């Protein structure tokens, strides 16, 4: 099994180009089921994307990927496709459940395995199924699979989500674009990745309006040949911003959209992080005398749960006691015991992590427990004394493209090994 070895205390400098957004590409790939010809550009070359491509191929779509150009061409011309998403392809990636909506909308049936992914909480599919039932689907769960049918097609409805869910919002949108009449979704997630999905669907001719947390969809698609460039990955950007604040003489981050990380930039500024912010790039510098801060994770535009583990590393270097309250997932502090092995002073009370700083971290052998936890251990290793060995890095490969290569080019000492 592969691991990463990191020799810490290196001063980073250089440029990093931020990859396309994994969390935007995945639902857009699911949406290609609805169209005949789709070209998706700026895709990240990470394992979750490759898994979704394999799932589309299993269903019966033709997928041609150019890794050099970072694009994929998806063709769906078959009348009879396989409306099944098997366990073997969905078990490692929660986004696999997103094919449920478009399969049901276009082919009136779907059999989709209950999803897997990171073990950061229960993340049930209840809200997905709640929305689909409102649209007229008949659903049962048997032997670990969701069986859904809509023999006469789906019908537009008013759906008020009892709580905000990114995945359920995406599945409801994907199901509604072929539903008869108008669908109104209320209390929706409005993350930039969902807004990017809506831009893609509009290119198909779908009429969608989004205002505050309400999304209105008039079901219709004019099948045609379309091309779409995926937005850059705001979580990768946030991760490297934090890494630069910890270790960089100067780190320049390119291929970005500053507008979608306003909250993250605000938090970093309050902590005393030094940055030069431009429309097309951000330069970040190692920041001394970092200030303590209390924050909480929230749906967009709040502070993202996907940066909770990373900001915790910055908190270990701040003066005083910081707090971060996790409001999205109930089991997303599994990285804390690993950080404590490296010397971090952290304790958990209920759903809040209390972090005392500044702490001197020391390299240790640690284990990644999920995607974002794995990259937080990388950040900790960059500032720790001696060597850090990170096991189970397959989590990392699900969401970060060429992480060790990007960091090595910026003078980090990090390598991958099988030992």
Protein backbone atom coordinates (compact mmCIF):
# COMPACT_ATOMS: atom_id res chain seq x y z
CA UNK A 1 0.00 0.00 0.00
CA UNK A 2 1.32 3.43 -0.92
CA UNK A 3 2.32 6.07 1.59
CA UNK A 4 3.69 9.61 1.54
CA UNK A 5 6.96 10.55 3.22
CA UNK A 6 7.37 14.23 4.11
CA UNK A 7 10.45 15.92 5.53
CA UNK A 8 9.18 19.05 7.21
CA UNK A 9 10.44 22.55 7.89
CA UNK A 10 11.07 23.36 4.21
CA UNK A 11 10.30 26.87 3.00
CA UNK A 12 8.05 26.71 -0.05
CA UNK A 13 8.10 29.06 -3.00
CA UNK A 14 6.74 28.86 -6.52
CA UNK A 15 3.51 28.67 -8.51
CA UNK A 16 0.62 26.23 -8.25
CA UNK A 17 -2.14 26.01 -10.86
CA UNK A 18 -5.44 25.01 -9.23
CA UNK A 19 -7.17 22.08 -10.93
CA UNK A 20 -10.77 21.88 -12.03
CA UNK A 21 -13.35 21.25 -9.34
CA UNK A 22 -13.97 17.60 -8.49
CA UNK A 23 -17.26 18.43 -6.81
CA UNK A 24 -18.47 20.35 -9.87
CA UNK A 25 -17.28 17.79 -12.43
CA UNK A 26 -19.01 14.80 -10.80
CA UNK A 27 -22.64 16.04 -11.06
CA UNK A 28 -21.96 17.45 -14.54
CA UNK A 29 -20.71 14.03 -15.65
CA UNK A 30 -23.93 12.54 -14.25
CA UNK A 31 -25.85 15.15 -16.25
CA UNK A 32 -24.26 13.97 -19.52
CA UNK A 33 -26.68 11.02 -19.32
CA UNK A 34 -29.36 13.53 -20.37
CA UNK A 35 -27.58 14.75 -23.50
CA UNK A 36 -26.32 13.26 -26.78
CA UNK A 37 -22.90 14.90 -27.07
CA UNK A 38 -21.07 16.66 -24.22
CA UNK A 39 -17.49 17.90 -23.94
CA UNK A 40 -16.34 18.70 -20.41
CA UNK A 41 -13.12 20.72 -20.08
CA UNK A 42 -10.80 21.50 -17.16
CA UNK A 43 -11.57 18.20 -15.43
CA UNK A 44 -9.35 17.19 -12.50
CA UNK A 45 -7.40 13.98 -13.03
CA UNK A 46 -8.34 12.33 -9.74
CA UNK A 47 -9.67 8.90 -8.86
CA UNK A 48 -13.27 9.98 -8.14
CA UNK A 49 -13.50 11.33 -11.70
CA UNK A 50 -12.08 8.12 -13.18
CA UNK A 51 -14.57 6.10 -11.11
CA UNK A 52 -17.49 8.20 -12.39
CA UNK A 53 -16.25 7.72 -15.96
CA UNK A 54 -16.18 3.95 -15.42
CA UNK A 55 -19.73 4.17 -14.08
CA UNK A 56 -20.92 6.04 -17.18
CA UNK A 57 -19.24 3.43 -19.38
CA UNK A 58 -20.93 0.65 -17.41
CA UNK A 59 -24.29 2.32 -18.01
CA UNK A 60 -23.54 2.40 -21.74
CA UNK A 61 -22.20 5.86 -22.52
CA UNK A 62 -19.12 6.36 -24.67
CA UNK A 63 -16.40 8.29 -22.88
CA UNK A 64 -13.16 9.52 -24.42
CA UNK A 65 -10.78 11.24 -22.05
CA UNK A 66 -7.73 13.29 -22.97
CA UNK A 67 -5.54 13.57 -19.89
CA UNK A 68 -3.19 15.92 -21.69
CA UNK A 69 -5.99 18.37 -22.53
CA UNK A 70 -7.90 17.60 -19.31
CA UNK A 71 -11.18 17.07 -21.12
CA UNK A 72 -13.67 14.29 -21.68
CA UNK A 73 -16.12 13.74 -24.52
CA UNK A 74 -19.28 11.84 -23.55
CA UNK A 75 -21.70 10.43 -26.13
CA UNK A 76 -25.09 8.91 -25.30
CA UNK A 77 -26.90 7.70 -28.43
CA UNK A 78 -28.09 4.28 -27.25
CA UNK A 79 -31.82 3.74 -26.85
CA UNK A 80 -31.37 0.80 -24.50
CA UNK A 81 -28.78 1.42 -21.83
CA UNK A 82 -28.02 -0.30 -18.54
CA UNK A 83 -29.88 1.68 -15.88
CA UNK A 84 -27.82 0.15 -13.07
CA UNK A 85 -25.09 1.68 -10.90
CA UNK A 86 -23.40 -1.30 -9.20
CA UNK A 87 -21.90 -1.46 -5.74
CA UNK A 88 -18.38 -2.06 -7.06
CA UNK A 89 -18.38 1.41 -8.68
CA UNK A 90 -20.37 3.34 -6.10
CA UNK A 91 -18.82 1.95 -2.90
CA UNK A 92 -15.82 4.33 -2.88
CA UNK A 93 -17.57 7.45 -4.14
CA UNK A 94 -20.71 8.98 -2.78
CA UNK A 95 -21.32 10.99 -5.96
CA UNK A 96 -22.24 7.76 -7.77
CA UNK A 97 -25.77 8.18 -6.42
CA UNK A 98 -26.12 11.27 -8.65
CA UNK A 99 -26.87 9.08 -11.68
CA UNK A 100 -30.16 8.17 -9.99
CA UNK A 101 -31.93 11.41 -10.96
CA UNK A 102 -30.98 11.56 -14.65
CA UNK A 103 -31.53 7.81 -15.22
CA UNK A 104 -34.97 8.01 -13.66
CA UNK A 105 -35.84 11.16 -15.60
CA UNK A 106 -34.74 9.89 -19.01
CA UNK A 107 -35.36 6.13 -18.81
CA UNK A 108 -38.10 5.97 -16.14
CA UNK A 109 -36.14 3.50 -14.02
CA UNK A 110 -32.88 3.08 -12.11
CA UNK A 111 -31.19 0.61 -9.81
CA UNK A 112 -28.43 2.35 -7.85
CA UNK A 113 -26.29 1.00 -5.05
CA UNK A 114 -26.43 2.85 -1.76
CA UNK A 115 -23.29 5.02 -1.83
CA UNK A 116 -19.94 4.86 -0.04
CA UNK A 117 -17.16 7.45 0.13
CA UNK A 118 -15.49 8.91 3.20
CA UNK A 119 -16.57 7.64 6.63
CA UNK A 120 -17.24 11.15 7.95
CA UNK A 121 -20.86 10.66 8.89
CA UNK A 122 -24.04 8.82 8.00
CA UNK A 123 -24.96 11.15 5.10
CA UNK A 124 -28.17 9.24 4.36
CA UNK A 125 -29.87 9.42 0.97
CA UNK A 126 -33.22 10.15 2.61
CA UNK A 127 -33.40 13.69 1.18
CA UNK A 128 -32.55 12.44 -2.32
CA UNK A 129 -35.40 9.94 -2.16
CA UNK A 130 -37.75 12.45 -0.53
CA UNK A 131 -37.34 14.78 -3.53
CA UNK A 132 -37.70 12.02 -6.13
CA UNK A 133 -40.89 10.74 -4.49
CA UNK A 134 -42.31 14.27 -4.64
CA UNK A 135 -41.65 14.17 -8.38
CA UNK A 136 -43.70 10.97 -8.65
CA UNK A 137 -41.08 8.22 -8.40
CA UNK A 138 -41.86 4.88 -6.80
CA UNK A 139 -38.92 3.84 -4.64
CA UNK A 140 -37.91 0.87 -2.55
CA UNK A 141 -34.61 -0.17 -0.99
CA UNK A 142 -33.62 -3.82 -1.14
CA UNK A 143 -30.33 -5.69 -0.75
CA UNK A 144 -28.31 -2.48 -0.54
CA UNK A 145 -29.81 -0.99 -3.71
CA UNK A 146 -32.24 1.80 -4.49
CA UNK A 147 -34.91 0.65 -6.95
CA UNK A 148 -36.70 3.61 -8.53
CA UNK A 149 -39.37 3.73 -11.24
CA UNK A 150 -41.51 6.39 -12.89
CA UNK A 151 -43.43 4.52 -15.60
CA UNK A 152 -45.23 7.63 -16.85
CA UNK A 153 -42.29 9.94 -16.30
CA UNK A 154 -41.73 12.49 -13.55
CA UNK A 155 -43.98 15.46 -12.84
CA UNK A 156 -42.91 18.86 -11.56
CA UNK A 157 -43.61 19.59 -7.90
CA UNK A 158 -42.94 22.00 -5.06
CA UNK A 159 -40.23 20.49 -2.86
CA UNK A 160 -39.10 22.07 0.40
CA UNK A 161 -36.02 20.34 1.77
CA UNK A 162 -36.19 19.92 5.57
CA UNK A 163 -32.44 20.55 5.71
CA UNK A 164 -29.83 21.77 3.24
CA UNK A 165 -28.10 19.02 1.27
CA UNK A 166 -25.74 19.46 -1.68
CA UNK A 167 -26.22 15.96 -3.08
CA UNK A 168 -30.00 15.96 -2.70
CA UNK A 169 -30.24 19.37 -4.37
CA UNK A 170 -28.15 18.10 -7.30
CA UNK A 171 -30.17 14.90 -7.71
CA UNK A 172 -33.45 16.83 -7.56
CA UNK A 173 -32.25 19.26 -10.23
CA UNK A 174 -31.06 16.42 -12.48
CA UNK A 175 -34.39 14.62 -12.14
CA UNK A 176 -36.48 17.76 -12.68
CA UNK A 177 -35.04 18.85 -16.01
CA UNK A 178 -37.18 16.27 -17.87
CA UNK A 179 -40.19 16.40 -15.56
CA UNK A 180 -43.54 17.60 -16.89
CA UNK A 181 -44.34 21.13 -15.82
CA UNK A 182 -42.49 23.28 -13.29
CA UNK A 183 -40.48 22.21 -10.25
CA UNK A 184 -39.71 24.58 -7.39
CA UNK A 185 -37.00 23.52 -4.95
CA UNK A 186 -36.80 25.43 -1.67
CA UNK A 187 -34.17 25.45 1.09
CA UNK A 188 -31.59 24.30 -1.46
CA UNK A 189 -27.83 24.16 -1.30
CA UNK A 190 -26.38 26.90 -3.53
CA UNK A 191 -22.69 25.98 -3.63
CA UNK A 192 -20.65 27.22 -6.62
CA UNK A 193 -20.53 23.62 -7.83
CA UNK A 194 -24.35 23.55 -8.02
CA UNK A 195 -24.33 26.86 -9.84
CA UNK A 196 -21.88 25.35 -12.34
CA UNK A 197 -24.18 22.36 -12.86
CA UNK A 198 -27.02 24.80 -13.57
CA UNK A 199 -24.87 26.61 -16.16
CA UNK A 200 -24.26 23.27 -17.89
CA UNK A 201 -27.96 22.40 -17.91
CA UNK A 202 -28.88 25.82 -19.29
CA UNK A 203 -26.65 25.05 -22.27
CA UNK A 204 -28.97 22.08 -22.93
CA UNK A 205 -31.91 24.46 -23.15
CA UNK A 206 -33.24 23.87 -19.65
CA UNK A 207 -34.92 26.89 -18.05
CA UNK A 208 -33.59 27.24 -14.51
CA UNK A 209 -33.71 30.22 -12.19
CA UNK A 210 -31.91 30.44 -8.85
CA UNK A 211 -32.67 33.07 -6.23
CA UNK A 212 -31.47 32.87 -2.66
CA UNK A 213 -32.14 29.23 -1.74
CA UNK A 214 -34.96 28.68 -4.24
CA UNK A 215 -34.43 26.99 -7.61
CA UNK A 216 -37.17 26.97 -10.26
CA UNK A 217 -36.92 24.47 -13.14
CA UNK A 218 -39.08 24.24 -16.25
CA UNK A 219 -38.54 20.75 -17.59
CA UNK A 220 -37.22 20.71 -21.14
CA UNK A 221 -34.01 19.76 -22.93
CA UNK A 222 -33.02 20.49 -26.48
CA UNK A 223 -30.43 17.83 -27.14
CA UNK A 224 -27.40 19.16 -28.90
CA UNK A 225 -23.64 19.17 -28.97
CA UNK A 226 -22.36 21.31 -26.13
CA UNK A 227 -19.07 22.16 -24.45
CA UNK A 228 -18.54 23.29 -20.87
CA UNK A 229 -15.49 24.33 -18.85
CA UNK A 230 -15.67 23.31 -15.19
CA UNK A 231 -14.89 25.90 -12.51
CA UNK A 232 -11.64 25.67 -10.55
CA UNK A 233 -11.56 23.79 -7.25
CA UNK A 234 -12.18 26.17 -4.36
CA UNK A 235 -11.29 23.49 -1.77
CA UNK A 236 -7.92 22.85 -3.41
CA UNK A 237 -7.37 26.61 -3.50
CA UNK A 238 -8.24 26.91 0.20
CA UNK A 239 -5.92 24.02 1.03
CA UNK A 240 -2.93 25.62 -0.69
CA UNK A 241 -3.75 29.04 0.77
CA UNK A 242 -3.45 27.47 4.22
CA UNK A 243 -0.30 25.62 3.17
CA UNK A 244 1.25 28.87 1.99
CA UNK A 245 0.36 30.63 5.23
CA UNK A 246 2.15 27.84 7.10
CA UNK A 247 5.28 27.42 5.01
CA UNK A 248 5.78 29.74 2.04
CA UNK A 249 8.23 32.48 1.28
CA UNK A 250 5.80 33.20 -1.54
CA UNK A 251 3.25 30.85 -3.08
CA UNK A 252 1.35 32.04 -6.16
CA UNK A 253 -1.95 30.26 -6.83
CA UNK A 254 -3.31 30.53 -10.38
CA UNK A 255 -6.40 29.40 -12.35
CA UNK A 256 -8.74 30.59 -9.61
CA UNK A 257 -12.00 32.44 -9.00
CA UNK A 258 -11.59 34.73 -6.02
CA UNK A 259 -15.33 35.38 -5.83
CA UNK A 260 -16.17 31.91 -4.49
CA UNK A 261 -13.69 31.97 -1.57
CA UNK A 262 -14.72 35.22 0.09
CA UNK A 263 -15.47 33.53 3.41
CA UNK A 264 -12.20 31.61 3.41
CA UNK A 265 -10.20 34.76 2.62
CA UNK A 266 -12.05 36.65 5.37
CA UNK A 267 -11.18 33.95 7.94
CA UNK A 268 -7.52 33.87 6.90
CA UNK A 269 -7.25 37.67 7.06
CA UNK A 270 -8.71 37.67 10.58
CA UNK A 271 -6.03 35.17 11.58
CA UNK A 272 -3.34 37.50 10.21
CA UNK A 273 -2.44 35.64 7.01
CA UNK A 274 -0.55 37.80 4.53
CA UNK A 275 -1.93 37.69 0.99
CA UNK A 276 -1.91 39.69 -2.23
CA UNK A 277 -5.26 39.15 -3.93
CA UNK A 278 -5.78 39.61 -7.64
CA UNK A 279 -8.69 38.68 -9.88
CA UNK A 280 -6.73 35.84 -11.48
CA UNK A 281 -4.29 34.81 -8.76
CA UNK A 282 -3.49 35.01 -5.06
CA UNK A 283 -0.02 35.26 -3.54
CA UNK A 284 0.24 33.97 0.03
CA UNK A 285 3.15 34.22 2.45
CA UNK A 286 4.20 32.46 5.66
CA UNK A 287 2.55 34.42 8.41
CA UNK A 288 3.97 34.91 11.89
CA UNK A 289 1.99 35.86 15.00
CA UNK A 290 -1.19 34.21 13.78
CA UNK A 291 -4.29 35.11 15.76
CA UNK A 292 -6.73 32.70 17.36
CA UNK A 293 -10.19 32.44 15.85
CA UNK A 294 -13.58 30.81 16.46
CA UNK A 295 -15.40 29.57 13.37
CA UNK A 296 -18.12 27.11 12.39
CA UNK A 297 -18.73 25.10 9.25
CA UNK A 298 -21.88 26.00 7.31
CA UNK A 299 -23.44 25.52 3.88
CA UNK A 300 -22.16 27.97 1.25
CA UNK A 301 -21.54 30.89 1.54
CA UNK A 302 -20.37 29.91 5.02
CA UNK A 303 -17.03 28.30 5.87
CA UNK A 304 -16.88 24.90 4.11
CA UNK A 305 -16.72 21.65 6.04
CA UNK A 306 -14.23 20.45 3.40
CA UNK A 307 -11.66 22.92 4.80
CA UNK A 308 -12.26 22.19 8.46
CA UNK A 309 -9.37 19.73 8.83
CA UNK A 310 -6.96 22.02 6.97
CA UNK A 311 -7.76 25.20 8.93
CA UNK A 312 -7.20 23.21 12.12
CA UNK A 313 -3.50 22.91 11.20
CA UNK A 314 -3.29 26.70 10.93
CA UNK A 315 -4.98 26.96 14.32
CA UNK A 316 -2.20 24.85 15.88
CA UNK A 317 0.22 27.64 14.94
CA UNK A 318 -1.96 30.54 16.15
CA UNK A 319 -1.52 32.30 19.49
CA UNK A 320 -4.16 31.22 21.99
CA UNK A 321 -7.14 28.89 21.94
CA UNK A 322 -9.12 28.60 18.73
CA UNK A 323 -12.37 26.74 18.16
CA UNK A 324 -14.02 25.19 15.14
CA UNK A 325 -17.57 23.90 15.34
CA UNK A 326 -18.54 21.18 12.83
CA UNK A 327 -22.16 21.67 11.82
CA UNK A 328 -22.34 19.54 8.65
CA UNK A 329 -21.04 16.04 9.47
CA UNK A 330 -21.15 14.35 12.86
CA UNK A 331 -17.97 12.30 12.46
CA UNK A 332 -15.49 14.64 10.85
CA UNK A 333 -12.84 14.90 13.55
CA UNK A 334 -11.16 11.56 12.87
CA UNK A 335 -7.93 13.34 11.94
CA UNK A 336 -7.60 14.76 15.46
CA UNK A 337 -6.05 11.65 17.10
CA UNK A 338 -3.46 11.55 14.30
CA UNK A 339 -2.63 15.23 14.78
CA UNK A 340 -2.28 14.69 18.53
CA UNK A 341 0.29 11.98 17.77
CA UNK A 342 2.30 14.73 16.10
CA UNK A 343 2.05 16.98 19.16
CA UNK A 344 -1.05 19.06 18.42
CA UNK A 345 -3.00 20.21 21.48
CA UNK A 346 -6.61 19.55 20.54
CA UNK A 347 -9.61 18.25 22.41
CA UNK A 348 -13.14 17.60 21.21
CA UNK A 349 -16.27 18.52 23.13
CA UNK A 350 -19.55 17.63 21.44
CA UNK A 351 -19.15 18.87 17.85
CA UNK A 352 -16.48 21.49 18.58
CA UNK A 353 -12.71 21.15 18.36
CA UNK A 354 -10.68 23.28 20.78
CA UNK A 355 -7.17 23.94 19.47
CA UNK A 356 -4.38 25.43 21.61
CA UNK A 357 -1.44 27.09 19.90
CA UNK A 358 1.21 27.65 18.96
CA UNK A 359 2.30 23.98 19.07
CA UNK A 360 5.53 22.46 17.80
CA UNK A 361 4.63 19.46 15.67
CA UNK A 362 6.92 16.45 15.30
CA UNK A 363 6.91 13.97 12.44
CA UNK A 364 5.23 10.64 13.12
CA UNK A 365 3.64 7.71 11.35
CA UNK A 366 -0.03 8.58 10.83
CA UNK A 367 -3.05 7.25 8.97
CA UNK A 368 -5.44 9.10 6.66
CA UNK A 369 -9.08 8.45 7.48
CA UNK A 370 -10.81 10.43 4.71
CA UNK A 371 -10.08 12.74 1.80
CA UNK A 372 -9.76 16.08 3.60
CA UNK A 373 -8.19 14.53 6.71
CA UNK A 374 -5.45 13.11 4.50
CA UNK A 375 -4.46 16.52 3.14
CA UNK A 376 -4.51 18.03 6.65
CA UNK A 377 -1.86 15.47 7.60
CA UNK A 378 0.20 16.60 4.59
CA UNK A 379 -0.01 20.20 5.83
CA UNK A 380 1.00 19.10 9.32
CA UNK A 381 3.92 17.14 7.88
CA UNK A 382 5.16 20.23 6.00
CA UNK A 383 5.67 22.16 9.26
CA UNK A 384 6.68 19.26 11.53
CA UNK A 385 10.20 18.44 12.70
CA UNK A 386 11.73 15.35 11.12
CA UNK A 387 9.82 12.95 8.86
CA UNK A 388 6.09 12.26 8.65
CA UNK A 389 4.81 9.05 7.09
CA UNK A 390 1.17 9.11 5.93
CA UNK A 391 -0.56 5.78 5.31
CA UNK A 392 -3.76 5.04 3.33
CA UNK A 393 -3.20 7.89 0.87
CA UNK A 394 -5.71 6.41 -1.59
CA UNK A 395 -8.10 8.86 0.09
CA UNK A 396 -5.86 11.71 -1.07
CA UNK A 397 -5.84 10.48 -4.66
CA UNK A 398 -9.63 10.68 -4.80
CA UNK A 399 -9.60 14.48 -4.72
CA UNK A 400 -6.16 16.07 -5.18
CA UNK A 401 -4.44 16.03 -8.58
CA UNK A 402 -0.65 15.60 -8.48
CA UNK A 403 -0.39 16.96 -4.95
CA UNK A 404 3.15 15.77 -4.28
CA UNK A 405 4.32 16.97 -7.70
CA UNK A 406 2.81 20.42 -7.18
CA UNK A 407 4.42 20.70 -3.74
CA UNK A 408 7.77 19.29 -4.88
CA UNK A 409 7.98 21.95 -7.60
CA UNK A 410 7.58 24.48 -4.79
CA UNK A 411 10.57 22.99 -2.90
CA UNK A 412 8.73 20.70 -0.51
CA UNK A 413 10.47 17.40 0.25
CA UNK A 414 7.71 14.86 -0.28
CA UNK A 415 7.69 11.53 -2.05
CA UNK A 416 5.43 8.54 -2.60
CA UNK A 417 6.61 5.06 -1.70
CA UNK A 418 5.27 1.51 -1.59
CA UNK A 419 7.18 0.65 1.59
